[in-house]
Amino acid sequence: MDYLLMFLYAVAVLMVLLGGVTFAILAERKVIGAMQLRPGPNRHGPWGVFQTIADVLKLLLKEDVIPANADKKIFVLAPVLAFAPAFSVMAVLVYSSTVGGADINIGVIYFLGVSSITMLGVLMGGWSSNNKYALFGSIRGVAQMVSYELPLILSIIGVIIMVGSLNLTDIVNYQANMGMWFIVPQFLGFAVYMISSIAELNRSPFDLPEAESELVAGFFTEYSGFRFAMFMLAEYTYAIAIAGLATTLFLGGWLGPAFLPEIVWFMLKVVAVMFIWFWLTATLPRARVDQLMNFGWKVLIPVALLNIVLTSIYKVWMG
């Protein structure tokens, strides 16, 4: 019975995720279009709301092309390996005081550890394509994700020091008892987290692995049809998961006034975090590779370490 419930929960989360990814892609195109004074998608359905559905159907029906000289086994496995970890981390996110995944004591470590496997899909996709542009894109992607995973992890340590737990439910309950979201006392950590997550997700202005002007489409240049769709699904699933973790750690999770259900507050905060990413995509130009790496190692990591030191001093001072 337990395995059946786990399976049904996974299916339910997957269905919600598919709808969420569909909405997120449409919302991003609409938001960026509005900010750049363009209409955005407006052909399929009222206000273009069926555009993403039409795009998905097109990808599913397109021919699946595998390059003749590609490493076919790894080429086929890469999109799956990119998506599976992004979906697996949803197992520990808690959406309300009564709805959520596994309430484990090492929820934060599980999330960070499993999500890091995604970079293997990026590397395998580029290497197996037998295409120099795809290989360059995958190497860039892995270097970027490894570099920015360090400040991302360091930015969370301040929250863990204050709470004294790695359990996501404990972190939300601590904010409820404190009467304040961690975005206030941990603003430095939140800023580092948000910037690092942009690089982790390969989003503009840190979308160097997909630099169209120099690397065509990056590590998935040779992918078509539903395999290309798998990479897109993995990217947006990971984005929703990262936004969900930010909501839990810094924005009080499901906490909010009682006139809306807890799960609605959680979803609204996730949407707000993703809106910030869409805003930056529409606003900032792409950074250079050297600027990207220098900013991560010389700015974000020292700031994250400073936040840890200040939080530790505060914790000791307060007893």
C-alpha atoms as a PDB file:
ATOM      1  CA  MET A   1       0.000   0.000   0.000  1.00  0.00           C
ATOM      2  CA  ASP A   2       2.846   2.386   0.841  1.00  0.00           C
ATOM      3  CA  TYR A   3       4.447   1.826  -2.563  1.00  0.00           C
ATOM      4  CA  LEU A   4       1.116   2.428  -4.275  1.00  0.00           C
ATOM      5  CA  LEU A   5       0.670   5.726  -2.427  1.00  0.00           C
ATOM      6  CA  MET A   6       4.215   6.750  -3.340  1.00  0.00           C
ATOM      7  CA  PHE A   7       3.542   5.930  -6.991  1.00  0.00           C
ATOM      8  CA  LEU A   8       0.245   7.859  -7.000  1.00  0.00           C
ATOM      9  CA  TYR A   9       1.928  10.857  -5.347  1.00  0.00           C
ATOM     10  CA  ALA A  10       4.707  10.809  -7.952  1.00  0.00           C
ATOM     11  CA  VAL A  11       2.161  10.646 -10.786  1.00  0.00           C
ATOM     12  CA  ALA A  12       0.151  13.512  -9.283  1.00  0.00           C
ATOM     13  CA  VAL A  13       3.269  15.667  -8.877  1.00  0.00           C
ATOM     14  CA  LEU A  14       4.336  14.867 -12.451  1.00  0.00           C
ATOM     15  CA  MET A  15       0.939  15.896 -13.833  1.00  0.00           C
ATOM     16  CA  VAL A  16       1.009  19.151 -11.872  1.00  0.00           C
ATOM     17  CA  LEU A  17       4.585  19.755 -13.022  1.00  0.00           C
ATOM     18  CA  LEU A  18       3.684  19.261 -16.680  1.00  0.00           C
ATOM     19  CA  GLY A  19       0.937  21.837 -16.298  1.00  0.00           C
ATOM     20  CA  GLY A  20       3.253  24.131 -14.346  1.00  0.00           C
ATOM     21  CA  VAL A  21       5.998  23.909 -16.967  1.00  0.00           C
ATOM     22  CA  THR A  22       3.476  24.613 -19.732  1.00  0.00           C
ATOM     23  CA  PHE A  23       2.231  27.675 -17.868  1.00  0.00           C
ATOM     24  CA  ALA A  24       5.781  28.832 -16.992  1.00  0.00           C
ATOM     25  CA  ILE A  25       6.925  28.785 -20.633  1.00  0.00           C
ATOM     26  CA  LEU A  26       3.851  30.711 -21.745  1.00  0.00           C
ATOM     27  CA  ALA A  27       4.176  33.166 -18.847  1.00  0.00           C
ATOM     28  CA  GLU A  28       7.833  33.804 -19.618  1.00  0.00           C
ATOM     29  CA  ARG A  29       7.102  34.571 -23.261  1.00  0.00           C
ATOM     30  CA  LYS A  30       4.189  36.817 -22.320  1.00  0.00           C
ATOM     31  CA  VAL A  31       6.112  38.663 -19.590  1.00  0.00           C
ATOM     32  CA  ILE A  32       9.196  39.222 -21.745  1.00  0.00           C
ATOM     33  CA  GLY A  33       6.993  40.310 -24.650  1.00  0.00           C
ATOM     34  CA  ALA A  34       5.178  42.854 -22.482  1.00  0.00           C
ATOM     35  CA  MET A  35       8.445  44.230 -21.078  1.00  0.00           C
ATOM     36  CA  GLN A  36       9.890  44.587 -24.587  1.00  0.00           C
ATOM     37  CA  LEU A  37       6.651  46.059 -25.999  1.00  0.00           C
ATOM     38  CA  ARG A  38       5.813  42.951 -28.055  1.00  0.00           C
ATOM     39  CA  PRO A  39       2.548  41.000 -28.023  1.00  0.00           C
ATOM     40  CA  GLY A  40       4.164  37.631 -27.363  1.00  0.00           C
ATOM     41  CA  PRO A  41       2.248  34.462 -28.351  1.00  0.00           C
ATOM     42  CA  ASN A  42      -1.188  35.509 -29.626  1.00  0.00           C
ATOM     43  CA  ARG A  43      -2.244  33.029 -32.339  1.00  0.00           C
ATOM     44  CA  HIS A  44      -3.433  29.824 -30.675  1.00  0.00           C
ATOM     45  CA  GLY A  45      -6.398  30.249 -28.352  1.00  0.00           C
ATOM     46  CA  PRO A  46      -7.506  33.427 -26.558  1.00  0.00           C
ATOM     47  CA  TRP A  47      -4.456  35.598 -25.807  1.00  0.00           C
ATOM     48  CA  GLY A  48      -2.279  32.788 -27.148  1.00  0.00           C
ATOM     49  CA  VAL A  49      -2.827  30.535 -24.113  1.00  0.00           C
ATOM     50  CA  PHE A  50      -2.650  27.359 -26.227  1.00  0.00           C
ATOM     51  CA  GLN A  51       0.664  28.278 -27.879  1.00  0.00           C
ATOM     52  CA  THR A  52       2.794  26.156 -25.562  1.00  0.00           C
ATOM     53  CA  ILE A  53       0.453  23.174 -25.995  1.00  0.00           C
ATOM     54  CA  ALA A  54       0.804  23.526 -29.769  1.00  0.00           C
ATOM     55  CA  ASP A  55       4.600  23.692 -29.415  1.00  0.00           C
ATOM     56  CA  VAL A  56       4.650  20.538 -27.284  1.00  0.00           C
ATOM     57  CA  LEU A  57       2.507  18.643 -29.782  1.00  0.00           C
ATOM     58  CA  LYS A  58       4.778  19.773 -32.589  1.00  0.00           C
ATOM     59  CA  LEU A  59       7.870  18.494 -30.749  1.00  0.00           C
ATOM     60  CA  LEU A  60       6.239  15.162 -29.939  1.00  0.00           C
ATOM     61  CA  LEU A  61       5.248  14.616 -33.572  1.00  0.00           C
ATOM     62  CA  LYS A  62       8.562  15.649 -35.124  1.00  0.00           C
ATOM     63  CA  GLU A  63      11.026  13.057 -36.383  1.00  0.00           C
ATOM     64  CA  ASP A  64      13.578  11.873 -33.845  1.00  0.00           C
ATOM     65  CA  VAL A  65      16.971  12.404 -35.487  1.00  0.00           C
ATOM     66  CA  ILE A  66      20.163  10.914 -34.031  1.00  0.00           C
ATOM     67  CA  PRO A  67      23.473  11.915 -35.698  1.00  0.00           C
ATOM     68  CA  ALA A  68      25.152   9.022 -37.489  1.00  0.00           C
ATOM     69  CA  ASN A  69      28.435   9.374 -35.588  1.00  0.00           C
ATOM     70  CA  ALA A  70      26.898  10.056 -32.182  1.00  0.00           C
ATOM     71  CA  ASP A  71      27.294   7.721 -29.219  1.00  0.00           C
ATOM     72  CA  LYS A  72      23.695   6.584 -29.480  1.00  0.00           C
ATOM     73  CA  LYS A  73      23.277   5.011 -26.023  1.00  0.00           C
ATOM     74  CA  ILE A  74      24.589   8.054 -24.180  1.00  0.00           C
ATOM     75  CA  PHE A  75      22.800  10.386 -26.609  1.00  0.00           C
ATOM     76  CA  VAL A  76      19.475   8.750 -25.724  1.00  0.00           C
ATOM     77  CA  LEU A  77      20.218   8.587 -21.976  1.00  0.00           C
ATOM     78  CA  ALA A  78      21.311  12.224 -21.544  1.00  0.00           C
ATOM     79  CA  PRO A  79      17.845  13.900 -21.632  1.00  0.00           C
ATOM     80  CA  VAL A  80      16.516  11.342 -19.148  1.00  0.00           C
ATOM     81  CA  LEU A  81      19.463  11.924 -16.820  1.00  0.00           C
ATOM     82  CA  ALA A  82      18.879  15.679 -17.048  1.00  0.00           C
ATOM     83  CA  PHE A  83      15.176  15.403 -16.158  1.00  0.00           C
ATOM     84  CA  ALA A  84      15.125  12.615 -13.556  1.00  0.00           C
ATOM     85  CA  PRO A  85      17.091  14.464 -10.811  1.00  0.00           C
ATOM     86  CA  ALA A  86      15.117  17.683 -11.389  1.00  0.00           C
ATOM     87  CA  PHE A  87      11.913  15.701 -10.848  1.00  0.00           C
ATOM     88  CA  SER A  88      13.296  13.641  -7.950  1.00  0.00           C
ATOM     89  CA  VAL A  89      13.999  16.692  -5.775  1.00  0.00           C
ATOM     90  CA  MET A  90      10.264  17.408  -5.700  1.00  0.00           C
ATOM     91  CA  ALA A  91      10.031  14.435  -3.318  1.00  0.00           C
ATOM     92  CA  VAL A  92      11.169  16.559  -0.349  1.00  0.00           C
ATOM     93  CA  LEU A  93       9.429  19.869  -1.048  1.00  0.00           C
ATOM     94  CA  VAL A  94       6.628  20.649   1.421  1.00  0.00           C
ATOM     95  CA  TYR A  95       3.766  22.716  -0.011  1.00  0.00           C
ATOM     96  CA  SER A  96       1.703  23.235   3.145  1.00  0.00           C
ATOM     97  CA  SER A  97       1.459  22.003   6.724  1.00  0.00           C
ATOM     98  CA  THR A  98      -0.534  19.005   5.456  1.00  0.00           C
ATOM     99  CA  VAL A  99       0.601  18.500   1.829  1.00  0.00           C
ATOM    100  CA  GLY A 100       4.135  17.577   0.871  1.00  0.00           C
ATOM    101  CA  GLY A 101       6.646  14.884   0.059  1.00  0.00           C
ATOM    102  CA  ALA A 102       8.980  12.952   2.335  1.00  0.00           C
ATOM    103  CA  ASP A 103       9.549  14.841   5.590  1.00  0.00           C
ATOM    104  CA  ILE A 104      13.157  13.713   6.071  1.00  0.00           C
ATOM    105  CA  ASN A 105      15.755  15.195   8.415  1.00  0.00           C
ATOM    106  CA  ILE A 106      18.256  15.822   5.607  1.00  0.00           C
ATOM    107  CA  GLY A 107      15.833  17.417   3.153  1.00  0.00           C
ATOM    108  CA  VAL A 108      18.209  20.243   2.199  1.00  0.00           C
ATOM    109  CA  ILE A 109      21.148  17.884   1.619  1.00  0.00           C
ATOM    110  CA  TYR A 110      18.963  15.539  -0.457  1.00  0.00           C
ATOM    111  CA  PHE A 111      17.767  18.432  -2.616  1.00  0.00           C
ATOM    112  CA  LEU A 112      21.259  19.796  -3.263  1.00  0.00           C
ATOM    113  CA  GLY A 113      22.845  16.388  -3.771  1.00  0.00           C
ATOM    114  CA  VAL A 114      20.289  14.967  -6.186  1.00  0.00           C
ATOM    115  CA  SER A 115      19.878  18.186  -8.194  1.00  0.00           C
ATOM    116  CA  SER A 116      23.618  18.302  -8.901  1.00  0.00           C
ATOM    117  CA  ILE A 117      23.283  15.102 -10.971  1.00  0.00           C
ATOM    118  CA  THR A 118      21.552  17.183 -13.663  1.00  0.00           C
ATOM    119  CA  MET A 119      24.914  18.457 -14.871  1.00  0.00           C
ATOM    120  CA  LEU A 120      25.817  14.905 -15.948  1.00  0.00           C
ATOM    121  CA  GLY A 121      22.941  15.025 -18.433  1.00  0.00           C
ATOM    122  CA  VAL A 122      24.295  18.306 -19.791  1.00  0.00           C
ATOM    123  CA  LEU A 123      27.811  16.902 -20.177  1.00  0.00           C
ATOM    124  CA  MET A 124      26.654  13.614 -21.717  1.00  0.00           C
ATOM    125  CA  GLY A 125      24.329  15.369 -24.156  1.00  0.00           C
ATOM    126  CA  GLY A 126      27.111  17.553 -25.530  1.00  0.00           C
ATOM    127  CA  TRP A 127      29.839  14.904 -25.541  1.00  0.00           C
ATOM    128  CA  SER A 128      27.736  12.169 -27.169  1.00  0.00           C
ATOM    129  CA  SER A 129      26.558  14.425 -30.021  1.00  0.00           C
ATOM    130  CA  ASN A 130      29.953  14.331 -31.776  1.00  0.00           C
ATOM    131  CA  ASN A 131      29.585  18.064 -32.441  1.00  0.00           C
ATOM    132  CA  LYS A 132      32.235  20.557 -31.345  1.00  0.00           C
ATOM    133  CA  TYR A 133      29.685  23.291 -30.643  1.00  0.00           C
ATOM    134  CA  ALA A 134      27.613  20.958 -28.492  1.00  0.00           C
ATOM    135  CA  LEU A 135      30.768  19.834 -26.667  1.00  0.00           C
ATOM    136  CA  PHE A 136      31.859  23.433 -25.985  1.00  0.00           C
ATOM    137  CA  GLY A 137      28.368  24.209 -24.713  1.00  0.00           C
ATOM    138  CA  SER A 138      28.333  21.221 -22.371  1.00  0.00           C
ATOM    139  CA  ILE A 139      31.794  22.041 -20.988  1.00  0.00           C
ATOM    140  CA  ARG A 140      30.699  25.621 -20.395  1.00  0.00           C
ATOM    141  CA  GLY A 141      27.521  24.384 -18.741  1.00  0.00           C
ATOM    142  CA  VAL A 142      29.272  22.012 -16.350  1.00  0.00           C
ATOM    143  CA  ALA A 143      31.956  24.577 -15.438  1.00  0.00           C
ATOM    144  CA  GLN A 144      29.254  27.152 -14.779  1.00  0.00           C
ATOM    145  CA  MET A 145      27.041  24.811 -12.750  1.00  0.00           C
ATOM    146  CA  VAL A 146      29.926  23.526 -10.620  1.00  0.00           C
ATOM    147  CA  SER A 147      31.230  27.043  -9.983  1.00  0.00           C
ATOM    148  CA  TYR A 148      27.885  28.503  -8.974  1.00  0.00           C
ATOM    149  CA  GLU A 149      26.792  25.496  -6.940  1.00  0.00           C
ATOM    150  CA  LEU A 150      29.357  26.534  -4.322  1.00  0.00           C
ATOM    151  CA  PRO A 151      27.863  29.978  -3.556  1.00  0.00           C
ATOM    152  CA  LEU A 152      24.365  28.467  -3.842  1.00  0.00           C
ATOM    153  CA  ILE A 153      25.160  25.975  -1.072  1.00  0.00           C
ATOM    154  CA  LEU A 154      27.009  28.568   1.022  1.00  0.00           C
ATOM    155  CA  SER A 155      24.052  30.959   0.805  1.00  0.00           C
ATOM    156  CA  ILE A 156      21.824  28.353   2.502  1.00  0.00           C
ATOM    157  CA  ILE A 157      24.174  27.679   5.429  1.00  0.00           C
ATOM    158  CA  GLY A 158      23.126  30.888   7.211  1.00  0.00           C
ATOM    159  CA  VAL A 159      19.532  29.629   7.358  1.00  0.00           C
ATOM    160  CA  ILE A 160      20.681  26.216   8.610  1.00  0.00           C
ATOM    161  CA  ILE A 161      22.799  27.839  11.353  1.00  0.00           C
ATOM    162  CA  MET A 162      19.829  29.864  12.604  1.00  0.00           C
ATOM    163  CA  VAL A 163      17.377  26.938  12.545  1.00  0.00           C
ATOM    164  CA  GLY A 164      19.766  24.165  13.557  1.00  0.00           C
ATOM    165  CA  SER A 165      18.037  21.688  11.236  1.00  0.00           C
ATOM    166  CA  LEU A 166      18.156  20.456   7.654  1.00  0.00           C
ATOM    167  CA  ASN A 167      14.454  19.566   7.673  1.00  0.00           C
ATOM    168  CA  LEU A 168      12.410  21.840   5.382  1.00  0.00           C
ATOM    169  CA  THR A 169       9.328  21.723   7.626  1.00  0.00           C
ATOM    170  CA  ASP A 170      11.431  22.781  10.626  1.00  0.00           C
ATOM    171  CA  ILE A 171      12.764  25.723   8.622  1.00  0.00           C
ATOM    172  CA  VAL A 172       9.250  26.958   7.811  1.00  0.00           C
ATOM    173  CA  ASN A 173       8.045  26.430  11.402  1.00  0.00           C
ATOM    174  CA  TYR A 174      11.048  28.374  12.734  1.00  0.00           C
ATOM    175  CA  GLN A 175      10.073  31.336  10.560  1.00  0.00           C
ATOM    176  CA  ALA A 176       6.505  31.074  11.864  1.00  0.00           C
ATOM    177  CA  ASN A 177       7.723  31.106  15.476  1.00  0.00           C
ATOM    178  CA  MET A 178      10.151  33.946  14.755  1.00  0.00           C
ATOM    179  CA  GLY A 179       7.374  36.011  13.158  1.00  0.00           C
ATOM    180  CA  MET A 180       9.647  36.940  10.246  1.00  0.00           C
ATOM    181  CA  TRP A 181      10.708  35.388   6.963  1.00  0.00           C
ATOM    182  CA  PHE A 182      14.407  34.667   6.528  1.00  0.00           C
ATOM    183  CA  ILE A 183      14.594  37.072   3.575  1.00  0.00           C
ATOM    184  CA  VAL A 184      15.000  39.840   6.191  1.00  0.00           C
ATOM    185  CA  PRO A 185      17.792  38.544   8.483  1.00  0.00           C
ATOM    186  CA  GLN A 186      19.328  36.517   5.645  1.00  0.00           C
ATOM    187  CA  PHE A 187      19.042  39.069   2.860  1.00  0.00           C
ATOM    188  CA  LEU A 188      22.690  38.587   1.821  1.00  0.00           C
ATOM    189  CA  GLY A 189      22.118  34.848   1.578  1.00  0.00           C
ATOM    190  CA  PHE A 190      18.911  35.376  -0.400  1.00  0.00           C
ATOM    191  CA  ALA A 191      20.656  37.691  -2.880  1.00  0.00           C
ATOM    192  CA  VAL A 192      23.497  35.196  -3.397  1.00  0.00           C
ATOM    193  CA  TYR A 193      20.982  32.349  -3.753  1.00  0.00           C
ATOM    194  CA  MET A 194      18.945  34.161  -6.403  1.00  0.00           C
ATOM    195  CA  ILE A 195      21.991  35.116  -8.484  1.00  0.00           C
ATOM    196  CA  SER A 196      23.568  31.669  -8.178  1.00  0.00           C
ATOM    197  CA  SER A 197      20.315  29.958  -9.138  1.00  0.00           C
ATOM    198  CA  ILE A 198      20.223  31.918 -12.402  1.00  0.00           C
ATOM    199  CA  ALA A 199      23.616  30.485 -13.332  1.00  0.00           C
ATOM    200  CA  GLU A 200      22.618  27.010 -12.099  1.00  0.00           C
ATOM    201  CA  LEU A 201      19.596  27.097 -14.400  1.00  0.00           C
ATOM    202  CA  ASN A 202      21.610  28.453 -17.365  1.00  0.00           C
ATOM    203  CA  ARG A 203      19.222  31.382 -17.622  1.00  0.00           C
ATOM    204  CA  SER A 204      19.929  34.828 -19.036  1.00  0.00           C
ATOM    205  CA  PRO A 205      22.130  36.755 -18.385  1.00  0.00           C
ATOM    206  CA  PHE A 206      24.129  33.622 -17.502  1.00  0.00           C
ATOM    207  CA  ASP A 207      22.957  31.434 -20.399  1.00  0.00           C
ATOM    208  CA  LEU A 208      26.455  30.911 -21.806  1.00  0.00           C
ATOM    209  CA  PRO A 209      25.960  27.183 -22.604  1.00  0.00           C
ATOM    210  CA  GLU A 210      23.216  28.221 -25.046  1.00  0.00           C
ATOM    211  CA  ALA A 211      24.916  31.279 -26.545  1.00  0.00           C
ATOM    212  CA  GLU A 212      23.191  31.284 -29.946  1.00  0.00           C
ATOM    213  CA  SER A 213      25.619  33.749 -31.514  1.00  0.00           C
ATOM    214  CA  GLU A 214      28.611  31.460 -30.965  1.00  0.00           C
ATOM    215  CA  LEU A 215      27.466  27.941 -30.035  1.00  0.00           C
ATOM    216  CA  VAL A 216      24.243  27.583 -32.048  1.00  0.00           C
ATOM    217  CA  ALA A 217      21.994  26.092 -29.313  1.00  0.00           C
ATOM    218  CA  GLY A 218      24.699  24.784 -26.999  1.00  0.00           C
ATOM    219  CA  PHE A 219      24.798  21.263 -25.611  1.00  0.00           C
ATOM    220  CA  PHE A 220      21.479  20.179 -27.178  1.00  0.00           C
ATOM    221  CA  THR A 221      22.259  21.452 -30.692  1.00  0.00           C
ATOM    222  CA  GLU A 222      21.833  17.979 -32.212  1.00  0.00           C
ATOM    223  CA  TYR A 223      18.644  17.102 -30.339  1.00  0.00           C
ATOM    224  CA  SER A 224      15.233  17.209 -31.980  1.00  0.00           C
ATOM    225  CA  GLY A 225      11.645  16.254 -31.262  1.00  0.00           C
ATOM    226  CA  PHE A 226      10.740  14.849 -27.889  1.00  0.00           C
ATOM    227  CA  ARG A 227      14.374  14.551 -26.742  1.00  0.00           C
ATOM    228  CA  PHE A 228      14.754  18.306 -27.140  1.00  0.00           C
ATOM    229  CA  ALA A 229      11.457  18.652 -25.259  1.00  0.00           C
ATOM    230  CA  MET A 230      12.930  16.547 -22.418  1.00  0.00           C
ATOM    231  CA  PHE A 231      15.783  19.030 -21.979  1.00  0.00           C
ATOM    232  CA  MET A 232      13.284  21.903 -21.903  1.00  0.00           C
ATOM    233  CA  LEU A 233      11.133  20.005 -19.418  1.00  0.00           C
ATOM    234  CA  ALA A 234      14.182  19.378 -17.229  1.00  0.00           C
ATOM    235  CA  GLU A 235      15.179  23.054 -17.304  1.00  0.00           C
ATOM    236  CA  TYR A 236      11.789  24.369 -16.255  1.00  0.00           C
ATOM    237  CA  THR A 237      11.192  21.566 -13.735  1.00  0.00           C
ATOM    238  CA  TYR A 238      14.516  22.431 -12.100  1.00  0.00           C
ATOM    239  CA  ALA A 239      13.530  26.102 -12.159  1.00  0.00           C
ATOM    240  CA  ILE A 240      10.261  25.363 -10.344  1.00  0.00           C
ATOM    241  CA  ALA A 241      12.134  23.202  -7.814  1.00  0.00           C
ATOM    242  CA  ILE A 242      14.770  25.896  -7.170  1.00  0.00           C
ATOM    243  CA  ALA A 243      12.011  28.494  -6.756  1.00  0.00           C
ATOM    244  CA  GLY A 244      10.221  26.125  -4.363  1.00  0.00           C
ATOM    245  CA  LEU A 245      13.372  25.752  -2.269  1.00  0.00           C
ATOM    246  CA  ALA A 246      13.842  29.541  -2.215  1.00  0.00           C
ATOM    247  CA  THR A 247      10.243  29.909  -1.050  1.00  0.00           C
ATOM    248  CA  THR A 248      10.786  27.398   1.752  1.00  0.00           C
ATOM    249  CA  LEU A 249      14.127  28.768   2.929  1.00  0.00           C
ATOM    250  CA  PHE A 250      13.671  32.518   2.626  1.00  0.00           C
ATOM    251  CA  LEU A 251       9.992  33.356   2.044  1.00  0.00           C
ATOM    252  CA  GLY A 252       8.258  31.429   4.784  1.00  0.00           C
ATOM    253  CA  GLY A 253       7.075  28.515   2.654  1.00  0.00           C
ATOM    254  CA  TRP A 254       3.308  28.207   2.952  1.00  0.00           C
ATOM    255  CA  LEU A 255       3.027  30.957   5.618  1.00  0.00           C
ATOM    256  CA  GLY A 256       0.586  33.765   4.839  1.00  0.00           C
ATOM    257  CA  PRO A 257      -2.727  35.372   5.885  1.00  0.00           C
ATOM    258  CA  ALA A 258      -5.511  32.875   6.463  1.00  0.00           C
ATOM    259  CA  PHE A 259      -7.806  34.209   3.724  1.00  0.00           C
ATOM    260  CA  LEU A 260      -5.975  31.973   1.202  1.00  0.00           C
ATOM    261  CA  PRO A 261      -5.071  28.282   1.576  1.00  0.00           C
ATOM    262  CA  GLU A 262      -1.476  27.516   2.539  1.00  0.00           C
ATOM    263  CA  ILE A 263      -0.697  25.766  -0.730  1.00  0.00           C
ATOM    264  CA  VAL A 264      -1.889  28.834  -2.666  1.00  0.00           C
ATOM    265  CA  TRP A 265       0.529  31.052  -0.741  1.00  0.00           C
ATOM    266  CA  PHE A 266       3.333  28.624  -1.549  1.00  0.00           C
ATOM    267  CA  MET A 267       2.488  28.665  -5.268  1.00  0.00           C
ATOM    268  CA  LEU A 268       2.189  32.466  -5.350  1.00  0.00           C
ATOM    269  CA  LYS A 269       5.662  32.832  -3.840  1.00  0.00           C
ATOM    270  CA  VAL A 270       7.094  30.355  -6.360  1.00  0.00           C
ATOM    271  CA  VAL A 271       5.529  32.405  -9.172  1.00  0.00           C
ATOM    272  CA  ALA A 272       6.996  35.610  -7.685  1.00  0.00           C
ATOM    273  CA  VAL A 273      10.514  34.128  -7.609  1.00  0.00           C
ATOM    274  CA  MET A 274      10.223  32.936 -11.210  1.00  0.00           C
ATOM    275  CA  PHE A 275       8.862  36.332 -12.263  1.00  0.00           C
ATOM    276  CA  ILE A 276      12.102  37.903 -11.041  1.00  0.00           C
ATOM    277  CA  TRP A 277      14.053  35.553 -13.334  1.00  0.00           C
ATOM    278  CA  PHE A 278      11.794  36.428 -16.285  1.00  0.00           C
ATOM    279  CA  TRP A 279      12.293  40.124 -15.519  1.00  0.00           C
ATOM    280  CA  LEU A 280      16.079  39.769 -15.562  1.00  0.00           C
ATOM    281  CA  THR A 281      15.925  37.777 -18.809  1.00  0.00           C
ATOM    282  CA  ALA A 282      14.079  40.637 -20.491  1.00  0.00           C
ATOM    283  CA  THR A 283      16.364  43.300 -19.030  1.00  0.00           C
ATOM    284  CA  LEU A 284      20.010  42.246 -18.896  1.00  0.00           C
ATOM    285  CA  PRO A 285      22.400  41.397 -21.754  1.00  0.00           C
ATOM    286  CA  ARG A 286      24.371  38.154 -21.741  1.00  0.00           C
ATOM    287  CA  ALA A 287      27.586  38.231 -19.708  1.00  0.00           C
ATOM    288  CA  ARG A 288      30.955  37.060 -21.022  1.00  0.00           C
ATOM    289  CA  VAL A 289      32.427  33.779 -19.807  1.00  0.00           C
ATOM    290  CA  ASP A 290      35.272  35.448 -17.903  1.00  0.00           C
ATOM    291  CA  GLN A 291      32.846  37.900 -16.272  1.00  0.00           C
ATOM    292  CA  LEU A 292      30.609  35.025 -15.249  1.00  0.00           C
ATOM    293  CA  MET A 293      33.402  33.030 -13.611  1.00  0.00           C
ATOM    294  CA  ASN A 294      35.038  36.029 -11.946  1.00  0.00           C
ATOM    295  CA  PHE A 295      31.730  37.140 -10.454  1.00  0.00           C
ATOM    296  CA  GLY A 296      31.044  33.716  -9.013  1.00  0.00           C
ATOM    297  CA  TRP A 297      34.467  33.088  -7.463  1.00  0.00           C
ATOM    298  CA  LYS A 298      35.505  36.630  -6.525  1.00  0.00           C
ATOM    299  CA  VAL A 299      32.190  38.178  -5.479  1.00  0.00           C
ATOM    300  CA  LEU A 300      29.457  35.676  -4.630  1.00  0.00           C
ATOM    301  CA  ILE A 301      31.565  33.209  -2.643  1.00  0.00           C
ATOM    302  CA  PRO A 302      33.151  35.930  -0.423  1.00  0.00           C
ATOM    303  CA  VAL A 303      29.724  37.500   0.162  1.00  0.00           C
ATOM    304  CA  ALA A 304      28.248  34.100   1.062  1.00  0.00           C
ATOM    305  CA  LEU A 305      31.133  33.433   3.467  1.00  0.00           C
ATOM    306  CA  LEU A 306      30.620  36.875   5.022  1.00  0.00           C
ATOM    307  CA  ASN A 307      26.955  36.027   5.560  1.00  0.00           C
ATOM    308  CA  ILE A 308      27.945  32.776   7.310  1.00  0.00           C
ATOM    309  CA  VAL A 309      30.357  34.637   9.612  1.00  0.00           C
ATOM    310  CA  LEU A 310      27.796  37.322  10.497  1.00  0.00           C
ATOM    311  CA  THR A 311      25.108  34.705  11.125  1.00  0.00           C
ATOM    312  CA  SER A 312      27.453  32.686  13.348  1.00  0.00           C
ATOM    313  CA  ILE A 313      28.366  35.765  15.379  1.00  0.00           C
ATOM    314  CA  TYR A 314      24.686  36.629  15.788  1.00  0.00           C
ATOM    315  CA  LYS A 315      23.820  33.070  16.817  1.00  0.00           C
ATOM    316  CA  VAL A 316      26.589  32.956  19.440  1.00  0.00           C
ATOM    317  CA  TRP A 317      25.723  36.450  20.710  1.00  0.00           C
ATOM    318  CA  MET A 318      22.037  35.572  21.084  1.00  0.00           C
ATOM    319  CA  GLY A 319      22.934  32.298  22.777  1.00  0.00           C
END
